[in-house]
Amino acid sequence: MNGKELWEKGIAALAGAWIGNRLGLLFPVICLLMLLMAADYVSGMLAAKKEALEHPGSKKYGWSSKKGILGIFKKIGYFFTVFVAVCVDYFLYKFAQELGLKYESQTYFALLVAIWFVINEAISVLENAGRMGVELPQFLKKTLSELKKDLDDDKKGKE
């Protein structure tokens, strides 16, 4: 992910967290995250199946139980990360109270993390829909291809 996309995603997550905090939206955002995670998992399986049908005999394409379980582990990791963010919010809120400081925000970090994951999952669902043959608008195709290139570059750098 290049700097521009990272900044855009970060600004969107910050704005969403600020608005969500003002409106008390942590629970609805977490529900949305769960819905998007399920949609991402199912759309990923369907896209993999479609690719396997288009490329019979190729091990590169298709769904495997290893890919599936790794996807589930990743999604469980999302929940642990949101849980830690909720703990940080609680700690800051209680610590500010003990010091006599006025700290009105009770869920800022949790919302920030949850909205960041919502954005990630939404992008992934769109990417999976494109893999299934859905004709996406040109601006979405361009954005997704840039994100995919950046993610592939990141993976190559870590290997």
Foldseek 3Di string as FASTA:
>chain_A
DDPVVVVVLLVVLQVQLVVCQVVVNLVVLVVLLVVLLVLLLVLQQLLQCLVCVVPPPDPVGHDDVVVNVVSVVVSVVLVVVLVVQLVVLCVVCVVCVVVVHDDSGRRRSSSSSSSSSSVVSVLSSVVSVVSNPDDDPPVSVVVSVVVVVVVVVVVVVVD
